[in-house]
Amino acid sequence: MDRESLEPEANKHELSLDDLPGEFREIAEIVGLDGALKLVELCGGSQIYIPKMDSITRQTRYRQMLADFEKCRDYGLVARQYNLSEAHARMILKQLMLQRIGPRAQTEMF
């Protein structure tokens, strides 16, 4: 047996979805066999965390929330629109407004 036949690169061309173990086969069905093999190359042997969609879209949702608030200036309306308590909406919007002005501007206020 020559050394090339032992290399993963040489063997990956012979792989099919049926060769993959359970949950990884499901991933390969979604991202494709090439995408799954890229994951193996990048993260093989590691545990990886895949965030929920809510975590991925949070910043986009917060930007939209701030834009909506700037149009109406009504915490209650924005809270209802985003299914939040008014107190939680106020906290989020306050943090977003502070981030917008930046730390330098915050210190200049005092």
Protein backbone atom coordinates (compact mmCIF):
# COMPACT_ATOMS: atom_id res chain seq x y z
CA MET A 1 0.00 0.00 0.00
CA ASP A 2 1.50 3.32 -0.99
CA ARG A 3 1.50 6.38 1.21
CA GLU A 4 -0.93 8.37 -0.97
CA SER A 5 -3.70 5.85 -0.44
CA LEU A 6 -3.43 6.48 3.31
CA GLU A 7 -3.92 10.24 2.95
CA PRO A 8 -7.42 11.54 3.79
CA GLU A 9 -7.41 13.68 0.62
CA ALA A 10 -7.17 10.57 -1.55
CA ASN A 11 -10.00 8.81 0.29
CA LYS A 12 -12.45 11.68 0.53
CA HIS A 13 -13.32 11.42 -3.16
CA GLU A 14 -14.72 7.96 -2.51
CA LEU A 15 -17.01 9.05 0.35
CA SER A 16 -20.77 9.07 0.11
CA LEU A 17 -23.42 10.25 2.56
CA ASP A 18 -24.02 6.62 3.54
CA ASP A 19 -20.44 6.42 4.86
CA LEU A 20 -21.02 9.17 7.42
CA PRO A 21 -22.16 8.54 11.00
CA GLY A 22 -25.71 9.54 12.10
CA GLU A 23 -25.82 13.21 13.11
CA PHE A 24 -22.93 14.11 10.83
CA ARG A 25 -24.81 12.57 7.91
CA GLU A 26 -27.72 14.91 8.72
CA ILE A 27 -25.35 17.89 8.63
CA ALA A 28 -23.92 16.71 5.31
CA GLU A 29 -27.43 16.40 3.89
CA ILE A 30 -28.01 20.07 4.74
CA VAL A 31 -24.64 21.64 3.84
CA GLY A 32 -23.62 19.10 1.20
CA LEU A 33 -20.83 16.56 1.31
CA ASP A 34 -18.15 19.12 0.34
CA GLY A 35 -19.34 21.52 3.06
CA ALA A 36 -19.33 18.71 5.62
CA LEU A 37 -15.78 17.75 4.64
CA LYS A 38 -14.70 21.38 5.04
CA LEU A 39 -16.13 21.27 8.57
CA VAL A 40 -14.08 18.12 9.20
CA GLU A 41 -10.92 19.88 8.00
CA LEU A 42 -11.64 22.97 10.10
CA CYS A 43 -13.05 21.43 13.28
CA GLY A 44 -12.39 17.69 13.07
CA GLY A 45 -12.13 16.12 16.52
CA SER A 46 -13.42 19.28 18.25
CA GLN A 47 -16.72 20.08 19.82
CA ILE A 48 -18.24 23.15 18.23
CA TYR A 49 -21.05 25.38 19.42
CA ILE A 50 -23.71 26.27 16.90
CA PRO A 51 -25.76 29.22 18.17
CA LYS A 52 -29.52 29.45 17.89
CA MET A 53 -30.92 31.70 15.19
CA ASP A 54 -32.05 34.16 17.88
CA SER A 55 -28.42 34.73 18.89
CA ILE A 56 -27.29 35.23 15.31
CA THR A 57 -30.01 37.75 14.49
CA ARG A 58 -29.96 39.64 17.82
CA GLN A 59 -27.83 42.61 16.69
CA THR A 60 -29.87 43.07 13.52
CA ARG A 61 -33.09 42.97 15.57
CA TYR A 62 -31.66 45.49 18.05
CA ARG A 63 -30.66 47.88 15.25
CA GLN A 64 -34.19 47.67 13.85
CA MET A 65 -35.62 48.15 17.33
CA LEU A 66 -33.58 51.34 17.79
CA ALA A 67 -34.65 52.62 14.36
CA ASP A 68 -38.30 51.94 15.24
CA PHE A 69 -37.90 53.73 18.58
CA GLU A 70 -36.31 56.75 16.91
CA LYS A 71 -39.40 57.04 14.68
CA CYS A 72 -41.99 56.93 17.46
CA ARG A 73 -40.12 57.69 20.75
CA ASP A 74 -42.58 55.38 22.54
CA TYR A 75 -41.01 52.67 24.73
CA GLY A 76 -44.33 50.92 25.28
CA LEU A 77 -45.09 50.68 21.57
CA VAL A 78 -41.65 49.31 20.77
CA ALA A 79 -41.86 46.86 23.70
CA ARG A 80 -45.17 45.48 22.41
CA GLN A 81 -43.87 45.33 18.84
CA TYR A 82 -40.88 43.21 19.95
CA ASN A 83 -42.80 41.21 22.57
CA LEU A 84 -40.75 42.59 25.46
CA SER A 85 -41.59 44.20 28.77
CA GLU A 86 -41.26 47.96 28.70
CA ALA A 87 -38.46 47.76 31.27
CA HIS A 88 -36.49 45.33 29.11
CA ALA A 89 -37.04 47.45 26.00
CA ARG A 90 -35.81 50.54 27.89
CA MET A 91 -32.69 48.69 29.06
CA ILE A 92 -31.86 47.45 25.55
CA LEU A 93 -32.49 50.84 23.95
CA LYS A 94 -30.43 52.65 26.59
CA GLN A 95 -27.49 50.31 25.93
CA LEU A 96 -27.84 50.79 22.18
CA MET A 97 -27.91 54.57 22.52
CA LEU A 98 -24.84 54.52 24.78
CA GLN A 99 -23.00 52.31 22.28
CA ARG A 100 -23.88 54.74 19.51
CA ILE A 101 -22.39 57.77 21.25
CA GLY A 102 -19.31 55.79 22.29
CA PRO A 103 -17.25 55.80 25.49
CA ARG A 104 -15.50 59.10 24.73
CA ALA A 105 -18.75 61.02 24.41
CA GLN A 106 -20.07 59.40 27.60
CA THR A 107 -17.14 60.71 29.65
CA GLU A 108 -17.51 64.17 28.12
CA MET A 109 -21.08 64.33 29.41
CA PHE A 110 -19.91 64.40 33.06
